[in-house]
Protein backbone atom coordinates (compact mmCIF):
# COMPACT_ATOMS: atom_id res chain seq x y z
CA UNK A 1 0.00 0.00 0.00
CA UNK A 2 1.30 3.44 -0.85
CA UNK A 3 0.99 5.67 2.19
CA UNK A 4 1.18 8.80 0.02
CA UNK A 5 -2.42 8.22 -1.07
CA UNK A 6 -3.89 8.46 2.42
CA UNK A 7 -3.95 10.77 5.43
CA UNK A 8 -2.21 9.13 8.35
CA UNK A 9 -3.74 9.96 11.71
CA UNK A 10 -0.63 9.16 13.67
CA UNK A 11 2.69 7.40 13.81
CA UNK A 12 3.22 4.99 16.67
CA UNK A 13 6.73 3.84 17.65
CA UNK A 14 6.81 0.10 18.35
CA UNK A 15 10.05 -1.56 19.42
CA UNK A 16 12.33 0.52 17.20
CA UNK A 17 9.88 0.62 14.27
CA UNK A 18 7.17 3.07 13.34
CA UNK A 19 3.70 1.80 12.48
CA UNK A 20 1.26 4.03 10.65
CA UNK A 21 -2.16 4.12 12.26
CA UNK A 22 -5.50 5.47 11.18
CA UNK A 23 -8.56 6.69 13.05
CA UNK A 24 -9.45 4.72 16.19
CA UNK A 25 -5.95 3.23 16.27
CA UNK A 26 -6.64 0.76 13.46
CA UNK A 27 -3.76 -0.26 11.24
CA UNK A 28 -3.81 0.69 7.58
CA UNK A 29 -3.76 -3.02 6.81
CA UNK A 30 -7.24 -3.47 8.35
CA UNK A 31 -9.26 -4.31 5.22
CA UNK A 32 -12.57 -3.22 6.77
CA UNK A 33 -11.16 0.21 7.46
CA UNK A 34 -9.56 0.99 4.10
CA UNK A 35 -12.78 2.49 2.69
CA UNK A 36 -12.76 5.15 5.41
CA UNK A 37 -9.32 6.54 4.64
CA UNK A 38 -9.24 10.01 3.13
CA UNK A 39 -7.28 10.72 -0.06
CA UNK A 40 -4.16 12.83 0.52
CA UNK A 41 -5.54 15.56 -1.74
CA UNK A 42 -7.70 16.58 1.22
CA UNK A 43 -4.52 17.73 2.99
CA UNK A 44 -3.59 20.32 0.39
CA UNK A 45 -7.07 21.53 -0.42
CA UNK A 46 -10.01 21.91 1.95
CA UNK A 47 -12.88 20.28 0.10
CA UNK A 48 -16.29 21.84 0.33
CA UNK A 49 -19.24 19.68 1.24
CA UNK A 50 -22.60 20.10 -0.44
CA UNK A 51 -25.71 18.62 1.17
CA UNK A 52 -27.85 17.19 -1.64
CA UNK A 53 -30.62 15.38 0.29
CA UNK A 54 -31.77 15.19 3.89
CA UNK A 55 -34.43 13.40 5.94
CA UNK A 56 -35.45 12.54 9.50
CA UNK A 57 -35.72 8.94 10.67
CA UNK A 58 -39.06 7.51 11.77
CA UNK A 59 -39.99 4.22 13.39
CA UNK A 60 -40.98 1.18 11.37
CA UNK A 61 -40.36 -2.05 13.38
CA UNK A 62 -38.15 -0.36 15.99
CA UNK A 63 -37.68 3.16 17.35
CA UNK A 64 -35.23 4.95 15.05
CA UNK A 65 -34.33 8.63 15.38
CA UNK A 66 -31.89 11.15 13.98
CA UNK A 67 -31.18 12.66 10.59
CA UNK A 68 -29.75 11.22 7.39
CA UNK A 69 -28.17 13.33 4.72
CA UNK A 70 -26.44 12.68 1.44
CA UNK A 71 -23.46 14.93 0.87
CA UNK A 72 -21.15 15.48 -2.06
CA UNK A 73 -17.51 16.00 -1.21
CA UNK A 74 -14.42 15.76 -3.40
CA UNK A 75 -16.46 14.46 -6.35
CA UNK A 76 -17.95 11.56 -4.34
CA UNK A 77 -21.24 11.03 -2.50
CA UNK A 78 -21.57 9.91 1.11
CA UNK A 79 -24.48 9.04 3.37
CA UNK A 80 -24.11 10.61 6.81
CA UNK A 81 -26.11 9.75 9.91
CA UNK A 82 -25.96 12.52 12.50
CA UNK A 83 -24.94 12.33 16.15
CA UNK A 84 -28.59 12.02 17.21
CA UNK A 85 -29.01 8.80 15.20
CA UNK A 86 -30.27 5.85 17.24
CA UNK A 87 -31.99 2.55 16.53
CA UNK A 88 -32.70 -0.67 18.41
CA UNK A 89 -29.77 -2.89 19.30
CA UNK A 90 -32.01 -5.96 18.87
CA UNK A 91 -31.16 -6.46 15.19
CA UNK A 92 -28.52 -9.14 14.65
CA UNK A 93 -27.74 -8.12 11.06
CA UNK A 94 -28.61 -4.46 10.45
CA UNK A 95 -27.76 -2.86 7.11
CA UNK A 96 -28.05 0.65 5.65
CA UNK A 97 -29.99 0.85 2.40
CA UNK A 98 -30.94 3.48 -0.15
CA UNK A 99 -34.48 2.64 -1.28
CA UNK A 100 -36.34 3.79 -4.40
CA UNK A 101 -39.58 4.53 -2.52
CA UNK A 102 -40.38 7.33 -0.09
CA UNK A 103 -41.96 4.85 2.32
CA UNK A 104 -40.04 1.56 2.09
CA UNK A 105 -41.71 -1.81 2.67
CA UNK A 106 -41.76 -3.52 6.07
CA UNK A 107 -39.96 -6.46 4.39
CA UNK A 108 -38.31 -6.80 1.01
CA UNK A 109 -39.31 -9.15 -1.78
CA UNK A 110 -37.72 -7.09 -4.60
CA UNK A 111 -33.96 -6.81 -4.18
CA UNK A 112 -33.72 -4.48 -7.17
CA UNK A 113 -35.44 -1.59 -5.37
CA UNK A 114 -32.52 -0.75 -3.09
CA UNK A 115 -28.76 -0.37 -2.78
CA UNK A 116 -27.11 -1.91 0.26
CA UNK A 117 -24.41 0.45 1.59
CA UNK A 118 -23.21 -2.13 4.10
CA UNK A 119 -23.63 -3.20 7.70
CA UNK A 120 -24.71 -0.60 10.23
CA UNK A 121 -21.54 0.30 12.14
CA UNK A 122 -23.19 1.39 15.37
CA UNK A 123 -26.69 1.46 16.87
CA UNK A 124 -26.22 5.13 17.70
CA UNK A 125 -24.18 8.18 16.84
CA UNK A 126 -22.64 9.82 13.80
CA UNK A 127 -21.61 7.52 10.93
CA UNK A 128 -20.57 7.92 7.31
CA UNK A 129 -21.00 5.50 4.39
CA UNK A 130 -19.54 5.94 0.89
CA UNK A 131 -22.07 5.74 -1.96
CA UNK A 132 -20.67 4.02 -5.07
CA UNK A 133 -19.83 6.42 -7.89
CA UNK A 134 -22.26 6.30 -10.80
CA UNK A 135 -25.38 5.88 -8.65
CA UNK A 136 -28.22 8.16 -9.80
CA UNK A 137 -29.30 9.58 -6.44
CA UNK A 138 -32.53 10.98 -7.88
CA UNK A 139 -33.81 7.37 -8.10
CA UNK A 140 -33.54 6.84 -4.33
CA UNK A 141 -36.12 8.38 -2.04
CA UNK A 142 -35.25 7.03 1.43
CA UNK A 143 -32.53 5.72 3.72
CA UNK A 144 -33.47 2.48 5.47
CA UNK A 145 -32.13 0.66 8.52
CA UNK A 146 -32.93 -2.94 7.66
CA UNK A 147 -32.40 -6.26 9.44
CA UNK A 148 -31.31 -8.67 6.74
CA UNK A 149 -31.75 -11.78 8.90
CA UNK A 150 -35.36 -10.97 9.83
CA UNK A 151 -36.09 -9.09 6.57
CA UNK A 152 -37.53 -6.23 8.62
CA UNK A 153 -37.31 -2.48 8.22
CA UNK A 154 -36.34 -1.01 11.60
CA UNK A 155 -36.69 2.63 10.57
CA UNK A 156 -36.30 4.94 7.60
CA UNK A 157 -35.76 8.54 6.59
CA UNK A 158 -37.63 9.86 3.55
CA UNK A 159 -35.21 12.04 1.61
CA UNK A 160 -35.98 15.47 0.25
CA UNK A 161 -33.71 17.64 -1.89
CA UNK A 162 -31.81 20.31 0.00
CA UNK A 163 -33.03 23.58 -1.49
CA UNK A 164 -30.01 25.42 -0.04
CA UNK A 165 -27.46 23.14 -1.76
CA UNK A 166 -24.61 24.86 -3.58
CA UNK A 167 -24.14 23.88 -7.20
C-alpha atoms as a PDB file:
ATOM      1  CA  UNK A   1       0.000   0.000   0.000  1.00  0.00           C
ATOM      2  CA  UNK A   2       1.298   3.440  -0.852  1.00  0.00           C
ATOM      3  CA  UNK A   3       0.990   5.674   2.193  1.00  0.00           C
ATOM      4  CA  UNK A   4       1.182   8.801   0.020  1.00  0.00           C
ATOM      5  CA  UNK A   5      -2.423   8.223  -1.066  1.00  0.00           C
ATOM      6  CA  UNK A   6      -3.886   8.460   2.424  1.00  0.00           C
ATOM      7  CA  UNK A   7      -3.949  10.767   5.432  1.00  0.00           C
ATOM      8  CA  UNK A   8      -2.213   9.135   8.352  1.00  0.00           C
ATOM      9  CA  UNK A   9      -3.744   9.955  11.709  1.00  0.00           C
ATOM     10  CA  UNK A  10      -0.633   9.164  13.673  1.00  0.00           C
ATOM     11  CA  UNK A  11       2.685   7.400  13.809  1.00  0.00           C
ATOM     12  CA  UNK A  12       3.220   4.993  16.675  1.00  0.00           C
ATOM     13  CA  UNK A  13       6.725   3.842  17.651  1.00  0.00           C
ATOM     14  CA  UNK A  14       6.806   0.103  18.355  1.00  0.00           C
ATOM     15  CA  UNK A  15      10.052  -1.565  19.419  1.00  0.00           C
ATOM     16  CA  UNK A  16      12.328   0.519  17.203  1.00  0.00           C
ATOM     17  CA  UNK A  17       9.880   0.616  14.271  1.00  0.00           C
ATOM     18  CA  UNK A  18       7.169   3.072  13.341  1.00  0.00           C
ATOM     19  CA  UNK A  19       3.700   1.796  12.484  1.00  0.00           C
ATOM     20  CA  UNK A  20       1.255   4.035  10.651  1.00  0.00           C
ATOM     21  CA  UNK A  21      -2.159   4.117  12.260  1.00  0.00           C
ATOM     22  CA  UNK A  22      -5.504   5.466  11.183  1.00  0.00           C
ATOM     23  CA  UNK A  23      -8.558   6.694  13.054  1.00  0.00           C
ATOM     24  CA  UNK A  24      -9.452   4.722  16.192  1.00  0.00           C
ATOM     25  CA  UNK A  25      -5.951   3.225  16.268  1.00  0.00           C
ATOM     26  CA  UNK A  26      -6.641   0.761  13.455  1.00  0.00           C
ATOM     27  CA  UNK A  27      -3.759  -0.264  11.239  1.00  0.00           C
ATOM     28  CA  UNK A  28      -3.812   0.689   7.576  1.00  0.00           C
ATOM     29  CA  UNK A  29      -3.757  -3.022   6.814  1.00  0.00           C
ATOM     30  CA  UNK A  30      -7.243  -3.472   8.347  1.00  0.00           C
ATOM     31  CA  UNK A  31      -9.261  -4.312   5.217  1.00  0.00           C
ATOM     32  CA  UNK A  32     -12.568  -3.224   6.766  1.00  0.00           C
ATOM     33  CA  UNK A  33     -11.160   0.211   7.462  1.00  0.00           C
ATOM     34  CA  UNK A  34      -9.563   0.992   4.097  1.00  0.00           C
ATOM     35  CA  UNK A  35     -12.783   2.488   2.689  1.00  0.00           C
ATOM     36  CA  UNK A  36     -12.763   5.152   5.412  1.00  0.00           C
ATOM     37  CA  UNK A  37      -9.317   6.541   4.639  1.00  0.00           C
ATOM     38  CA  UNK A  38      -9.235  10.007   3.133  1.00  0.00           C
ATOM     39  CA  UNK A  39      -7.281  10.719  -0.061  1.00  0.00           C
ATOM     40  CA  UNK A  40      -4.163  12.826   0.522  1.00  0.00           C
ATOM     41  CA  UNK A  41      -5.538  15.556  -1.743  1.00  0.00           C
ATOM     42  CA  UNK A  42      -7.700  16.580   1.219  1.00  0.00           C
ATOM     43  CA  UNK A  43      -4.521  17.733   2.992  1.00  0.00           C
ATOM     44  CA  UNK A  44      -3.594  20.319   0.394  1.00  0.00           C
ATOM     45  CA  UNK A  45      -7.073  21.531  -0.423  1.00  0.00           C
ATOM     46  CA  UNK A  46     -10.009  21.908   1.952  1.00  0.00           C
ATOM     47  CA  UNK A  47     -12.884  20.285   0.105  1.00  0.00           C
ATOM     48  CA  UNK A  48     -16.294  21.836   0.332  1.00  0.00           C
ATOM     49  CA  UNK A  49     -19.242  19.681   1.243  1.00  0.00           C
ATOM     50  CA  UNK A  50     -22.600  20.104  -0.440  1.00  0.00           C
ATOM     51  CA  UNK A  51     -25.710  18.620   1.166  1.00  0.00           C
ATOM     52  CA  UNK A  52     -27.846  17.193  -1.636  1.00  0.00           C
ATOM     53  CA  UNK A  53     -30.623  15.379   0.286  1.00  0.00           C
ATOM     54  CA  UNK A  54     -31.767  15.191   3.886  1.00  0.00           C
ATOM     55  CA  UNK A  55     -34.427  13.398   5.939  1.00  0.00           C
ATOM     56  CA  UNK A  56     -35.446  12.536   9.499  1.00  0.00           C
ATOM     57  CA  UNK A  57     -35.722   8.941  10.667  1.00  0.00           C
ATOM     58  CA  UNK A  58     -39.060   7.507  11.768  1.00  0.00           C
ATOM     59  CA  UNK A  59     -39.985   4.225  13.390  1.00  0.00           C
ATOM     60  CA  UNK A  60     -40.980   1.176  11.367  1.00  0.00           C
ATOM     61  CA  UNK A  61     -40.362  -2.051  13.377  1.00  0.00           C
ATOM     62  CA  UNK A  62     -38.147  -0.358  15.988  1.00  0.00           C
ATOM     63  CA  UNK A  63     -37.685   3.165  17.347  1.00  0.00           C
ATOM     64  CA  UNK A  64     -35.233   4.951  15.051  1.00  0.00           C
ATOM     65  CA  UNK A  65     -34.330   8.627  15.375  1.00  0.00           C
ATOM     66  CA  UNK A  66     -31.891  11.153  13.976  1.00  0.00           C
ATOM     67  CA  UNK A  67     -31.178  12.658  10.588  1.00  0.00           C
ATOM     68  CA  UNK A  68     -29.747  11.219   7.390  1.00  0.00           C
ATOM     69  CA  UNK A  69     -28.165  13.334   4.716  1.00  0.00           C
ATOM     70  CA  UNK A  70     -26.440  12.679   1.437  1.00  0.00           C
ATOM     71  CA  UNK A  71     -23.462  14.926   0.874  1.00  0.00           C
ATOM     72  CA  UNK A  72     -21.147  15.476  -2.062  1.00  0.00           C
ATOM     73  CA  UNK A  73     -17.508  16.003  -1.212  1.00  0.00           C
ATOM     74  CA  UNK A  74     -14.424  15.759  -3.405  1.00  0.00           C
ATOM     75  CA  UNK A  75     -16.457  14.458  -6.349  1.00  0.00           C
ATOM     76  CA  UNK A  76     -17.953  11.564  -4.342  1.00  0.00           C
ATOM     77  CA  UNK A  77     -21.243  11.026  -2.504  1.00  0.00           C
ATOM     78  CA  UNK A  78     -21.572   9.910   1.108  1.00  0.00           C
ATOM     79  CA  UNK A  79     -24.480   9.038   3.370  1.00  0.00           C
ATOM     80  CA  UNK A  80     -24.107  10.608   6.809  1.00  0.00           C
ATOM     81  CA  UNK A  81     -26.112   9.754   9.912  1.00  0.00           C
ATOM     82  CA  UNK A  82     -25.957  12.525  12.504  1.00  0.00           C
ATOM     83  CA  UNK A  83     -24.938  12.332  16.153  1.00  0.00           C
ATOM     84  CA  UNK A  84     -28.592  12.020  17.210  1.00  0.00           C
ATOM     85  CA  UNK A  85     -29.009   8.803  15.200  1.00  0.00           C
ATOM     86  CA  UNK A  86     -30.270   5.852  17.238  1.00  0.00           C
ATOM     87  CA  UNK A  87     -31.989   2.554  16.535  1.00  0.00           C
ATOM     88  CA  UNK A  88     -32.704  -0.666  18.413  1.00  0.00           C
ATOM     89  CA  UNK A  89     -29.774  -2.893  19.304  1.00  0.00           C
ATOM     90  CA  UNK A  90     -32.005  -5.961  18.873  1.00  0.00           C
ATOM     91  CA  UNK A  91     -31.165  -6.464  15.194  1.00  0.00           C
ATOM     92  CA  UNK A  92     -28.524  -9.136  14.646  1.00  0.00           C
ATOM     93  CA  UNK A  93     -27.735  -8.122  11.055  1.00  0.00           C
ATOM     94  CA  UNK A  94     -28.613  -4.461  10.452  1.00  0.00           C
ATOM     95  CA  UNK A  95     -27.757  -2.856   7.111  1.00  0.00           C
ATOM     96  CA  UNK A  96     -28.048   0.647   5.652  1.00  0.00           C
ATOM     97  CA  UNK A  97     -29.993   0.852   2.396  1.00  0.00           C
ATOM     98  CA  UNK A  98     -30.936   3.484  -0.147  1.00  0.00           C
ATOM     99  CA  UNK A  99     -34.480   2.639  -1.277  1.00  0.00           C
ATOM    100  CA  UNK A 100     -36.339   3.785  -4.398  1.00  0.00           C
ATOM    101  CA  UNK A 101     -39.585   4.530  -2.522  1.00  0.00           C
ATOM    102  CA  UNK A 102     -40.382   7.331  -0.085  1.00  0.00           C
ATOM    103  CA  UNK A 103     -41.963   4.845   2.325  1.00  0.00           C
ATOM    104  CA  UNK A 104     -40.040   1.564   2.094  1.00  0.00           C
ATOM    105  CA  UNK A 105     -41.713  -1.808   2.668  1.00  0.00           C
ATOM    106  CA  UNK A 106     -41.761  -3.516   6.070  1.00  0.00           C
ATOM    107  CA  UNK A 107     -39.961  -6.458   4.391  1.00  0.00           C
ATOM    108  CA  UNK A 108     -38.305  -6.799   1.009  1.00  0.00           C
ATOM    109  CA  UNK A 109     -39.315  -9.149  -1.782  1.00  0.00           C
ATOM    110  CA  UNK A 110     -37.721  -7.095  -4.600  1.00  0.00           C
ATOM    111  CA  UNK A 111     -33.961  -6.815  -4.177  1.00  0.00           C
ATOM    112  CA  UNK A 112     -33.723  -4.481  -7.173  1.00  0.00           C
ATOM    113  CA  UNK A 113     -35.435  -1.589  -5.371  1.00  0.00           C
ATOM    114  CA  UNK A 114     -32.522  -0.750  -3.085  1.00  0.00           C
ATOM    115  CA  UNK A 115     -28.764  -0.371  -2.783  1.00  0.00           C
ATOM    116  CA  UNK A 116     -27.109  -1.914   0.264  1.00  0.00           C
ATOM    117  CA  UNK A 117     -24.408   0.449   1.586  1.00  0.00           C
ATOM    118  CA  UNK A 118     -23.209  -2.131   4.105  1.00  0.00           C
ATOM    119  CA  UNK A 119     -23.635  -3.198   7.697  1.00  0.00           C
ATOM    120  CA  UNK A 120     -24.709  -0.596  10.232  1.00  0.00           C
ATOM    121  CA  UNK A 121     -21.538   0.298  12.143  1.00  0.00           C
ATOM    122  CA  UNK A 122     -23.193   1.388  15.371  1.00  0.00           C
ATOM    123  CA  UNK A 123     -26.687   1.459  16.874  1.00  0.00           C
ATOM    124  CA  UNK A 124     -26.221   5.126  17.702  1.00  0.00           C
ATOM    125  CA  UNK A 125     -24.182   8.176  16.840  1.00  0.00           C
ATOM    126  CA  UNK A 126     -22.642   9.819  13.800  1.00  0.00           C
ATOM    127  CA  UNK A 127     -21.608   7.522  10.930  1.00  0.00           C
ATOM    128  CA  UNK A 128     -20.573   7.923   7.306  1.00  0.00           C
ATOM    129  CA  UNK A 129     -21.003   5.496   4.387  1.00  0.00           C
ATOM    130  CA  UNK A 130     -19.542   5.938   0.887  1.00  0.00           C
ATOM    131  CA  UNK A 131     -22.065   5.740  -1.958  1.00  0.00           C
ATOM    132  CA  UNK A 132     -20.675   4.017  -5.065  1.00  0.00           C
ATOM    133  CA  UNK A 133     -19.835   6.416  -7.895  1.00  0.00           C
ATOM    134  CA  UNK A 134     -22.259   6.299 -10.804  1.00  0.00           C
ATOM    135  CA  UNK A 135     -25.378   5.884  -8.653  1.00  0.00           C
ATOM    136  CA  UNK A 136     -28.216   8.164  -9.800  1.00  0.00           C
ATOM    137  CA  UNK A 137     -29.302   9.578  -6.445  1.00  0.00           C
ATOM    138  CA  UNK A 138     -32.530  10.980  -7.878  1.00  0.00           C
ATOM    139  CA  UNK A 139     -33.809   7.374  -8.101  1.00  0.00           C
ATOM    140  CA  UNK A 140     -33.535   6.836  -4.333  1.00  0.00           C
ATOM    141  CA  UNK A 141     -36.116   8.378  -2.037  1.00  0.00           C
ATOM    142  CA  UNK A 142     -35.246   7.032   1.431  1.00  0.00           C
ATOM    143  CA  UNK A 143     -32.531   5.721   3.721  1.00  0.00           C
ATOM    144  CA  UNK A 144     -33.469   2.477   5.471  1.00  0.00           C
ATOM    145  CA  UNK A 145     -32.129   0.663   8.525  1.00  0.00           C
ATOM    146  CA  UNK A 146     -32.932  -2.944   7.658  1.00  0.00           C
ATOM    147  CA  UNK A 147     -32.403  -6.257   9.443  1.00  0.00           C
ATOM    148  CA  UNK A 148     -31.309  -8.666   6.737  1.00  0.00           C
ATOM    149  CA  UNK A 149     -31.749 -11.777   8.900  1.00  0.00           C
ATOM    150  CA  UNK A 150     -35.363 -10.968   9.829  1.00  0.00           C
ATOM    151  CA  UNK A 151     -36.093  -9.086   6.566  1.00  0.00           C
ATOM    152  CA  UNK A 152     -37.527  -6.231   8.623  1.00  0.00           C
ATOM    153  CA  UNK A 153     -37.307  -2.475   8.216  1.00  0.00           C
ATOM    154  CA  UNK A 154     -36.344  -1.012  11.603  1.00  0.00           C
ATOM    155  CA  UNK A 155     -36.685   2.628  10.570  1.00  0.00           C
ATOM    156  CA  UNK A 156     -36.299   4.938   7.603  1.00  0.00           C
ATOM    157  CA  UNK A 157     -35.758   8.543   6.593  1.00  0.00           C
ATOM    158  CA  UNK A 158     -37.631   9.858   3.551  1.00  0.00           C
ATOM    159  CA  UNK A 159     -35.209  12.042   1.607  1.00  0.00           C
ATOM    160  CA  UNK A 160     -35.978  15.468   0.249  1.00  0.00           C
ATOM    161  CA  UNK A 161     -33.707  17.642  -1.888  1.00  0.00           C
ATOM    162  CA  UNK A 162     -31.806  20.310   0.004  1.00  0.00           C
ATOM    163  CA  UNK A 163     -33.035  23.580  -1.486  1.00  0.00           C
ATOM    164  CA  UNK A 164     -30.014  25.420  -0.044  1.00  0.00           C
ATOM    165  CA  UNK A 165     -27.464  23.141  -1.756  1.00  0.00           C
ATOM    166  CA  UNK A 166     -24.609  24.858  -3.576  1.00  0.00           C
ATOM    167  CA  UNK A 167     -24.142  23.884  -7.201  1.00  0.00           C
END
